[in-house]
PDB file of N, CA and C in Angstrom:
ATOM      1  N   MET A   1     -29.299  -4.173 -10.838  1.00  0.00           N
ATOM      2  CA  MET A   1     -28.704  -4.987 -11.871  1.00  0.00           C
ATOM      3  C   MET A   1     -27.228  -4.668 -12.065  1.00  0.00           C
ATOM      4  N   ASP A   2     -26.783  -3.502 -11.585  1.00  0.00           N
ATOM      5  CA  ASP A   2     -25.380  -3.156 -11.759  1.00  0.00           C
ATOM      6  C   ASP A   2     -24.462  -4.054 -10.952  1.00  0.00           C
ATOM      7  N   ALA A   3     -24.957  -4.661  -9.886  1.00  0.00           N
ATOM      8  CA  ALA A   3     -24.122  -5.512  -9.058  1.00  0.00           C
ATOM      9  C   ALA A   3     -23.690  -6.765  -9.805  1.00  0.00           C
ATOM     10  N   LEU A   4     -24.436  -7.179 -10.798  1.00  0.00           N
ATOM     11  CA  LEU A   4     -24.088  -8.374 -11.561  1.00  0.00           C
ATOM     12  C   LEU A   4     -23.122  -8.071 -12.698  1.00  0.00           C
ATOM     13  N   ASN A   5     -22.961  -6.825 -13.051  1.00  0.00           N
ATOM     14  CA  ASN A   5     -22.079  -6.437 -14.141  1.00  0.00           C
ATOM     15  C   ASN A   5     -20.650  -6.300 -13.615  1.00  0.00           C
ATOM     16  N   PRO A   6     -19.689  -7.118 -14.094  1.00  0.00           N
ATOM     17  CA  PRO A   6     -18.321  -7.049 -13.569  1.00  0.00           C
ATOM     18  C   PRO A   6     -17.581  -5.790 -14.013  1.00  0.00           C
ATOM     19  N   ASP A   7     -18.082  -5.060 -14.989  1.00  0.00           N
ATOM     20  CA  ASP A   7     -17.415  -3.857 -15.465  1.00  0.00           C
ATOM     21  C   ASP A   7     -17.726  -2.634 -14.615  1.00  0.00           C
ATOM     22  N   VAL A   8     -18.678  -2.758 -13.715  1.00  0.00           N
ATOM     23  CA  VAL A   8     -19.082  -1.626 -12.884  1.00  0.00           C
ATOM     24  C   VAL A   8     -18.471  -1.805 -11.501  1.00  0.00           C
ATOM     25  N   ALA A   9     -17.706  -0.811 -11.056  1.00  0.00           N
ATOM     26  CA  ALA A   9     -17.091  -0.873  -9.728  1.00  0.00           C
ATOM     27  C   ALA A   9     -18.151  -0.602  -8.661  1.00  0.00           C
ATOM     28  N   PRO A  10     -17.981  -1.200  -7.478  1.00  0.00           N
ATOM     29  CA  PRO A  10     -18.909  -0.901  -6.399  1.00  0.00           C
ATOM     30  C   PRO A  10     -18.838   0.583  -6.033  1.00  0.00           C
ATOM     31  N   SER A  11     -19.876   1.079  -5.392  1.00  0.00           N
ATOM     32  CA  SER A  11     -19.903   2.504  -5.067  1.00  0.00           C
ATOM     33  C   SER A  11     -18.794   2.833  -4.080  1.00  0.00           C
ATOM     34  N   ARG A  12     -18.174   3.992  -4.287  1.00  0.00           N
ATOM     35  CA  ARG A  12     -17.071   4.435  -3.441  1.00  0.00           C
ATOM     36  C   ARG A  12     -17.507   5.712  -2.732  1.00  0.00           C
ATOM     37  N   THR A  13     -17.160   5.800  -1.450  1.00  0.00           N
ATOM     38  CA  THR A  13     -17.521   6.982  -0.681  1.00  0.00           C
ATOM     39  C   THR A  13     -16.303   7.509   0.046  1.00  0.00           C
ATOM     40  N   GLY A  14     -16.307   8.789   0.352  1.00  0.00           N
ATOM     41  CA  GLY A  14     -15.288   9.412   1.190  1.00  0.00           C
ATOM     42  C   GLY A  14     -13.878   9.267   0.660  1.00  0.00           C
ATOM     43  N   MET A  15     -12.985   8.785   1.528  1.00  0.00           N
ATOM     44  CA  MET A  15     -11.567   8.662   1.204  1.00  0.00           C
ATOM     45  C   MET A  15     -11.311   7.624   0.119  1.00  0.00           C
ATOM     46  N   ARG A  16     -12.265   6.768  -0.133  1.00  0.00           N
ATOM     47  CA  ARG A  16     -12.072   5.722  -1.143  1.00  0.00           C
ATOM     48  C   ARG A  16     -12.015   6.286  -2.550  1.00  0.00           C
ATOM     49  N   HIS A  17     -12.376   7.559  -2.706  1.00  0.00           N
ATOM     50  CA  HIS A  17     -12.246   8.197  -4.019  1.00  0.00           C
ATOM     51  C   HIS A  17     -10.784   8.422  -4.382  1.00  0.00           C
ATOM     52  N   LEU A  18      -9.872   8.299  -3.428  1.00  0.00           N
ATOM     53  CA  LEU A  18      -8.448   8.429  -3.705  1.00  0.00           C
ATOM     54  C   LEU A  18      -7.912   7.239  -4.499  1.00  0.00           C
ATOM     55  N   ILE A  19      -8.612   6.120  -4.445  1.00  0.00           N
ATOM     56  CA  ILE A  19      -8.173   4.911  -5.119  1.00  0.00           C
ATOM     57  C   ILE A  19      -8.728   4.908  -6.544  1.00  0.00           C
ATOM     58  N   PRO A  20      -7.868   4.711  -7.560  1.00  0.00           N
ATOM     59  CA  PRO A  20      -8.369   4.652  -8.941  1.00  0.00           C
ATOM     60  C   PRO A  20      -9.361   3.503  -9.125  1.00  0.00           C
ATOM     61  N   ARG A  21     -10.246   3.655 -10.110  1.00  0.00           N
ATOM     62  CA  ARG A  21     -11.315   2.659 -10.319  1.00  0.00           C
ATOM     63  C   ARG A  21     -10.764   1.256 -10.571  1.00  0.00           C
ATOM     64  N   TRP A  22      -9.729   1.133 -11.411  1.00  0.00           N
ATOM     65  CA  TRP A  22      -9.191  -0.191 -11.717  1.00  0.00           C
ATOM     66  C   TRP A  22      -8.647  -0.838 -10.442  1.00  0.00           C
ATOM     67  N   GLU A  23      -7.948  -0.046  -9.645  1.00  0.00           N
ATOM     68  CA  GLU A  23      -7.372  -0.569  -8.420  1.00  0.00           C
ATOM     69  C   GLU A  23      -8.458  -0.920  -7.411  1.00  0.00           C
ATOM     70  N   TYR A  24      -9.547  -0.159  -7.400  1.00  0.00           N
ATOM     71  CA  TYR A  24     -10.646  -0.439  -6.480  1.00  0.00           C
ATOM     72  C   TYR A  24     -11.309  -1.771  -6.813  1.00  0.00           C
ATOM     73  N   ARG A  25     -11.315  -2.149  -8.072  1.00  0.00           N
ATOM     74  CA  ARG A  25     -11.903  -3.438  -8.470  1.00  0.00           C
ATOM     75  C   ARG A  25     -11.026  -4.613  -8.033  1.00  0.00           C
ATOM     76  N   HIS A  26      -9.727  -4.359  -7.837  1.00  0.00           N
ATOM     77  CA  HIS A  26      -8.775  -5.415  -7.497  1.00  0.00           C
ATOM     78  C   HIS A  26      -8.057  -5.068  -6.189  1.00  0.00           C
ATOM     79  N   LEU A  27      -8.807  -4.715  -5.163  1.00  0.00           N
ATOM     80  CA  LEU A  27      -8.215  -4.209  -3.924  1.00  0.00           C
ATOM     81  C   LEU A  27      -7.324  -5.219  -3.221  1.00  0.00           C
ATOM     82  N   ARG A  28      -7.730  -6.470  -3.181  1.00  0.00           N
ATOM     83  CA  ARG A  28      -6.923  -7.467  -2.483  1.00  0.00           C
ATOM     84  C   ARG A  28      -5.560  -7.637  -3.130  1.00  0.00           C
ATOM     85  N   ALA A  29      -5.527  -7.743  -4.440  1.00  0.00           N
ATOM     86  CA  ALA A  29      -4.258  -7.928  -5.150  1.00  0.00           C
ATOM     87  C   ALA A  29      -3.382  -6.683  -5.033  1.00  0.00           C
ATOM     88  N   CYS A  30      -3.958  -5.523  -5.227  1.00  0.00           N
ATOM     89  CA  CYS A  30      -3.186  -4.278  -5.152  1.00  0.00           C
ATOM     90  C   CYS A  30      -2.718  -4.006  -3.725  1.00  0.00           C
ATOM     91  N   GLY A  31      -3.571  -4.269  -2.749  1.00  0.00           N
ATOM     92  CA  GLY A  31      -3.175  -4.074  -1.355  1.00  0.00           C
ATOM     93  C   GLY A  31      -2.059  -5.019  -0.949  1.00  0.00           C
ATOM     94  N   GLY A  32      -2.154  -6.265  -1.356  1.00  0.00           N
ATOM     95  CA  GLY A  32      -1.088  -7.224  -1.052  1.00  0.00           C
ATOM     96  C   GLY A  32       0.223  -6.860  -1.724  1.00  0.00           C
ATOM     97  N   THR A  33       0.135  -6.357  -2.951  1.00  0.00           N
ATOM     98  CA  THR A  33       1.337  -5.920  -3.655  1.00  0.00           C
ATOM     99  C   THR A  33       1.958  -4.715  -2.957  1.00  0.00           C
ATOM    100  N   ARG A  34       1.134  -3.795  -2.501  1.00  0.00           N
ATOM    101  CA  ARG A  34       1.652  -2.615  -1.794  1.00  0.00           C
ATOM    102  C   ARG A  34       2.279  -2.992  -0.456  1.00  0.00           C
ATOM    103  N   VAL A  35       1.686  -3.921   0.262  1.00  0.00           N
ATOM    104  CA  VAL A  35       2.261  -4.368   1.529  1.00  0.00           C
ATOM    105  C   VAL A  35       3.625  -5.028   1.276  1.00  0.00           C
ATOM    106  N   ALA A  36       3.696  -5.879   0.261  1.00  0.00           N
ATOM    107  CA  ALA A  36       4.973  -6.526  -0.076  1.00  0.00           C
ATOM    108  C   ALA A  36       6.018  -5.502  -0.500  1.00  0.00           C
ATOM    109  N   ALA A  37       5.611  -4.513  -1.300  1.00  0.00           N
ATOM    110  CA  ALA A  37       6.550  -3.470  -1.728  1.00  0.00           C
ATOM    111  C   ALA A  37       7.008  -2.633  -0.531  1.00  0.00           C
ATOM    112  N   GLY A  38       6.113  -2.370   0.412  1.00  0.00           N
ATOM    113  CA  GLY A  38       6.483  -1.632   1.612  1.00  0.00           C
ATOM    114  C   GLY A  38       7.509  -2.382   2.447  1.00  0.00           C
ATOM    115  N   LEU A  39       7.339  -3.693   2.554  1.00  0.00           N
ATOM    116  CA  LEU A  39       8.314  -4.500   3.278  1.00  0.00           C
ATOM    117  C   LEU A  39       9.655  -4.518   2.555  1.00  0.00           C
ATOM    118  N   LEU A  40       9.623  -4.598   1.244  1.00  0.00           N
ATOM    119  CA  LEU A  40      10.854  -4.579   0.449  1.00  0.00           C
ATOM    120  C   LEU A  40      11.585  -3.251   0.606  1.00  0.00           C
ATOM    121  N   LEU A  41      10.858  -2.139   0.534  1.00  0.00           N
ATOM    122  CA  LEU A  41      11.478  -0.827   0.694  1.00  0.00           C
ATOM    123  C   LEU A  41      12.022  -0.641   2.107  1.00  0.00           C
ATOM    124  N   GLY A  42      11.321  -1.151   3.098  1.00  0.00           N
ATOM    125  CA  GLY A  42      11.843  -1.119   4.463  1.00  0.00           C
ATOM    126  C   GLY A  42      13.130  -1.922   4.587  1.00  0.00           C
ATOM    127  N   GLY A  43      13.171  -3.063   3.915  1.00  0.00           N
ATOM    128  CA  GLY A  43      14.399  -3.864   3.882  1.00  0.00           C
ATOM    129  C   GLY A  43      15.543  -3.123   3.213  1.00  0.00           C
ATOM    130  N   LEU A  44      15.233  -2.390   2.146  1.00  0.00           N
ATOM    131  CA  LEU A  44      16.262  -1.580   1.501  1.00  0.00           C
ATOM    132  C   LEU A  44      16.801  -0.517   2.446  1.00  0.00           C
ATOM    133  N   GLY A  45      15.926   0.062   3.244  1.00  0.00           N
ATOM    134  CA  GLY A  45      16.359   1.045   4.233  1.00  0.00           C
ATOM    135  C   GLY A  45      17.293   0.435   5.259  1.00  0.00           C
ATOM    136  N   VAL A  46      16.974  -0.767   5.720  1.00  0.00           N
ATOM    137  CA  VAL A  46      17.821  -1.438   6.703  1.00  0.00           C
ATOM    138  C   VAL A  46      19.174  -1.790   6.090  1.00  0.00           C
ATOM    139  N   VAL A  47      19.166  -2.301   4.860  1.00  0.00           N
ATOM    140  CA  VAL A  47      20.422  -2.638   4.186  1.00  0.00           C
ATOM    141  C   VAL A  47      21.260  -1.391   3.944  1.00  0.00           C
ATOM    142  N   THR A  48      20.621  -0.294   3.541  1.00  0.00           N
ATOM    143  CA  THR A  48      21.347   0.951   3.332  1.00  0.00           C
ATOM    144  C   THR A  48      21.985   1.429   4.629  1.00  0.00           C
ATOM    145  N   LEU A  49      21.268   1.330   5.723  1.00  0.00           N
ATOM    146  CA  LEU A  49      21.810   1.751   7.009  1.00  0.00           C
ATOM    147  C   LEU A  49      22.943   0.830   7.456  1.00  0.00           C
ATOM    148  N   SER A  50      22.821  -0.455   7.163  1.00  0.00           N
ATOM    149  CA  SER A  50      23.832  -1.414   7.604  1.00  0.00           C
ATOM    150  C   SER A  50      25.144  -1.268   6.854  1.00  0.00           C
ATOM    151  N   PHE A  51      25.076  -1.083   5.551  1.00  0.00           N
ATOM    152  CA  PHE A  51      26.284  -1.102   4.735  1.00  0.00           C
ATOM    153  C   PHE A  51      26.692   0.259   4.178  1.00  0.00           C
ATOM    154  N   GLY A  52      25.972   1.310   4.479  1.00  0.00           N
ATOM    155  CA  GLY A  52      26.208   2.599   3.849  1.00  0.00           C
ATOM    156  C   GLY A  52      27.281   3.461   4.462  1.00  0.00           C
ATOM    157  N   GLY A  53      27.709   3.174   5.663  1.00  0.00           N
ATOM    158  CA  GLY A  53      28.692   4.041   6.304  1.00  0.00           C
ATOM    159  C   GLY A  53      28.020   4.907   7.350  1.00  0.00           C
ATOM    160  N   SER A  54      28.717   5.983   7.714  1.00  0.00           N
ATOM    161  CA  SER A  54      28.189   6.829   8.786  1.00  0.00           C
ATOM    162  C   SER A  54      28.167   8.302   8.383  1.00  0.00           C
ATOM    163  N   ASP A  55      27.814   8.576   7.140  1.00  0.00           N
ATOM    164  CA  ASP A  55      27.733   9.975   6.715  1.00  0.00           C
ATOM    165  C   ASP A  55      26.284  10.393   6.543  1.00  0.00           C
ATOM    166  N   THR A  56      26.069  11.661   6.294  1.00  0.00           N
ATOM    167  CA  THR A  56      24.724  12.219   6.175  1.00  0.00           C
ATOM    168  C   THR A  56      23.977  11.641   4.988  1.00  0.00           C
ATOM    169  N   LYS A  57      24.693  11.365   3.909  1.00  0.00           N
ATOM    170  CA  LYS A  57      24.061  10.816   2.707  1.00  0.00           C
ATOM    171  C   LYS A  57      23.425   9.449   3.002  1.00  0.00           C
ATOM    172  N   THR A  58      24.109   8.635   3.777  1.00  0.00           N
ATOM    173  CA  THR A  58      23.567   7.314   4.131  1.00  0.00           C
ATOM    174  C   THR A  58      22.282   7.452   4.934  1.00  0.00           C
ATOM    175  N   TYR A  59      22.279   8.348   5.923  1.00  0.00           N
ATOM    176  CA  TYR A  59      21.090   8.519   6.744  1.00  0.00           C
ATOM    177  C   TYR A  59      19.939   9.124   5.942  1.00  0.00           C
ATOM    178  N   GLY A  60      20.259   9.963   4.985  1.00  0.00           N
ATOM    179  CA  GLY A  60      19.222  10.532   4.118  1.00  0.00           C
ATOM    180  C   GLY A  60      18.556   9.470   3.266  1.00  0.00           C
ATOM    181  N   TRP A  61      19.378   8.611   2.638  1.00  0.00           N
ATOM    182  CA  TRP A  61      18.810   7.529   1.825  1.00  0.00           C
ATOM    183  C   TRP A  61      18.031   6.535   2.684  1.00  0.00           C
ATOM    184  N   THR A  62      18.550   6.259   3.872  1.00  0.00           N
ATOM    185  CA  THR A  62      17.833   5.347   4.774  1.00  0.00           C
ATOM    186  C   THR A  62      16.468   5.908   5.147  1.00  0.00           C
ATOM    187  N   ALA A  63      16.429   7.181   5.485  1.00  0.00           N
ATOM    188  CA  ALA A  63      15.152   7.814   5.827  1.00  0.00           C
ATOM    189  C   ALA A  63      14.205   7.802   4.630  1.00  0.00           C
ATOM    190  N   PHE A  64      14.741   8.028   3.433  1.00  0.00           N
ATOM    191  CA  PHE A  64      13.936   8.008   2.218  1.00  0.00           C
ATOM    192  C   PHE A  64      13.291   6.639   2.004  1.00  0.00           C
ATOM    193  N   TRP A  65      14.098   5.561   2.082  1.00  0.00           N
ATOM    194  CA  TRP A  65      13.563   4.211   1.860  1.00  0.00           C
ATOM    195  C   TRP A  65      12.566   3.826   2.940  1.00  0.00           C
ATOM    196  N   LEU A  66      12.887   4.162   4.200  1.00  0.00           N
ATOM    197  CA  LEU A  66      11.969   3.804   5.281  1.00  0.00           C
ATOM    198  C   LEU A  66      10.661   4.585   5.206  1.00  0.00           C
ATOM    199  N   LEU A  67      10.731   5.843   4.806  1.00  0.00           N
ATOM    200  CA  LEU A  67       9.519   6.639   4.648  1.00  0.00           C
ATOM    201  C   LEU A  67       8.637   6.082   3.525  1.00  0.00           C
ATOM    202  N   LEU A  68       9.253   5.810   2.366  1.00  0.00           N
ATOM    203  CA  LEU A  68       8.482   5.228   1.257  1.00  0.00           C
ATOM    204  C   LEU A  68       7.897   3.869   1.639  1.00  0.00           C
ATOM    205  N   GLY A  69       8.697   3.051   2.318  1.00  0.00           N
ATOM    206  CA  GLY A  69       8.215   1.733   2.742  1.00  0.00           C
ATOM    207  C   GLY A  69       7.066   1.830   3.717  1.00  0.00           C
ATOM    208  N   GLY A  70       7.166   2.753   4.669  1.00  0.00           N
ATOM    209  CA  GLY A  70       6.091   2.927   5.642  1.00  0.00           C
ATOM    210  C   GLY A  70       4.803   3.414   5.011  1.00  0.00           C
ATOM    211  N   LEU A  71       4.925   4.379   4.099  1.00  0.00           N
ATOM    212  CA  LEU A  71       3.731   4.890   3.415  1.00  0.00           C
ATOM    213  C   LEU A  71       3.091   3.820   2.537  1.00  0.00           C
ATOM    214  N   ASP A  72       3.918   3.080   1.805  1.00  0.00           N
ATOM    215  CA  ASP A  72       3.387   2.030   0.931  1.00  0.00           C
ATOM    216  C   ASP A  72       2.721   0.933   1.754  1.00  0.00           C
ATOM    217  N   PHE A  73       3.355   0.544   2.843  1.00  0.00           N
ATOM    218  CA  PHE A  73       2.781  -0.487   3.709  1.00  0.00           C
ATOM    219  C   PHE A  73       1.453  -0.017   4.302  1.00  0.00           C
ATOM    220  N   ALA A  74       1.411   1.227   4.785  1.00  0.00           N
ATOM    221  CA  ALA A  74       0.187   1.752   5.397  1.00  0.00           C
ATOM    222  C   ALA A  74      -0.954   1.835   4.386  1.00  0.00           C
ATOM    223  N   PHE A  75      -0.670   2.306   3.168  1.00  0.00           N
ATOM    224  CA  PHE A  75      -1.710   2.408   2.151  1.00  0.00           C
ATOM    225  C   PHE A  75      -2.198   1.022   1.734  1.00  0.00           C
ATOM    226  N   GLY A  76      -1.275   0.063   1.603  1.00  0.00           N
ATOM    227  CA  GLY A  76      -1.676  -1.307   1.275  1.00  0.00           C
ATOM    228  C   GLY A  76      -2.516  -1.937   2.361  1.00  0.00           C
ATOM    229  N   TYR A  77      -2.153  -1.693   3.623  1.00  0.00           N
ATOM    230  CA  TYR A  77      -2.947  -2.209   4.735  1.00  0.00           C
ATOM    231  C   TYR A  77      -4.341  -1.593   4.731  1.00  0.00           C
ATOM    232  N   TRP A  78      -4.410  -0.297   4.451  1.00  0.00           N
ATOM    233  CA  TRP A  78      -5.706   0.384   4.369  1.00  0.00           C
ATOM    234  C   TRP A  78      -6.563  -0.235   3.272  1.00  0.00           C
ATOM    235  N   GLU A  79      -5.966  -0.518   2.116  1.00  0.00           N
ATOM    236  CA  GLU A  79      -6.720  -1.160   1.029  1.00  0.00           C
ATOM    237  C   GLU A  79      -7.182  -2.547   1.427  1.00  0.00           C
ATOM    238  N   MET A  80      -6.356  -3.270   2.142  1.00  0.00           N
ATOM    239  CA  MET A  80      -6.749  -4.614   2.565  1.00  0.00           C
ATOM    240  C   MET A  80      -7.907  -4.558   3.566  1.00  0.00           C
ATOM    241  N   THR A  81      -7.959  -3.539   4.416  1.00  0.00           N
ATOM    242  CA  THR A  81      -9.085  -3.416   5.345  1.00  0.00           C
ATOM    243  C   THR A  81     -10.360  -3.044   4.613  1.00  0.00           C
ATOM    244  N   ILE A  82     -10.258  -2.280   3.532  1.00  0.00           N
ATOM    245  CA  ILE A  82     -11.441  -1.972   2.729  1.00  0.00           C
ATOM    246  C   ILE A  82     -11.946  -3.226   2.034  1.00  0.00           C
ATOM    247  N   ALA A  83     -11.022  -4.067   1.557  1.00  0.00           N
ATOM    248  CA  ALA A  83     -11.402  -5.263   0.811  1.00  0.00           C
ATOM    249  C   ALA A  83     -11.911  -6.380   1.724  1.00  0.00           C
ATOM    250  N   ARG A  84     -11.665  -6.276   3.031  1.00  0.00           N
ATOM    251  CA  ARG A  84     -12.109  -7.302   3.952  1.00  0.00           C
ATOM    252  C   ARG A  84     -13.634  -7.408   3.923  1.00  0.00           C
ATOM    253  N   PRO A  85     -14.158  -8.620   3.826  1.00  0.00           N
ATOM    254  CA  PRO A  85     -15.624  -8.760   3.806  1.00  0.00           C
ATOM    255  C   PRO A  85     -16.250  -8.290   5.117  1.00  0.00           C
ATOM    256  N   LYS A  86     -17.350  -7.643   4.987  1.00  0.00           N
ATOM    257  CA  LYS A  86     -18.054  -7.128   6.157  1.00  0.00           C
ATOM    258  C   LYS A  86     -18.909  -8.243   6.764  1.00  0.00           C
ATOM    259  N   VAL A  87     -18.726  -8.481   8.054  1.00  0.00           N
ATOM    260  CA  VAL A  87     -19.466  -9.530   8.758  1.00  0.00           C
ATOM    261  C   VAL A  87     -20.577  -8.869   9.545  1.00  0.00           C
ATOM    262  N   THR A  88     -21.791  -9.330   9.317  1.00  0.00           N
ATOM    263  CA  THR A  88     -22.929  -8.802  10.057  1.00  0.00           C
ATOM    264  C   THR A  88     -23.343  -9.807  11.114  1.00  0.00           C
ATOM    265  N   PRO A  89     -23.541  -9.366  12.347  1.00  0.00           N
ATOM    266  CA  PRO A  89     -23.907 -10.311  13.426  1.00  0.00           C
ATOM    267  C   PRO A  89     -25.331 -10.801  13.300  1.00  0.00           C
TER     268      PRO A  89
END
């Protein structure tokens, strides 16, 4: 009967315990938002590299934005794969 109750999150196992309960209930929306944010942060890294000059500070900020963008994109993609409906043959 718990499956019919919208207030109860589906059972989570393994690495899925890293995702907060509210976010687990809305995986598609949160994953899509994270993927979009990852692309935006990657764009910030490219813009920083393009217009920042050629000093160490520019490369540091570029690496920071690209690292955050990559992590956010990867986590969002992971959430989207969890939210994908399972197809049984």
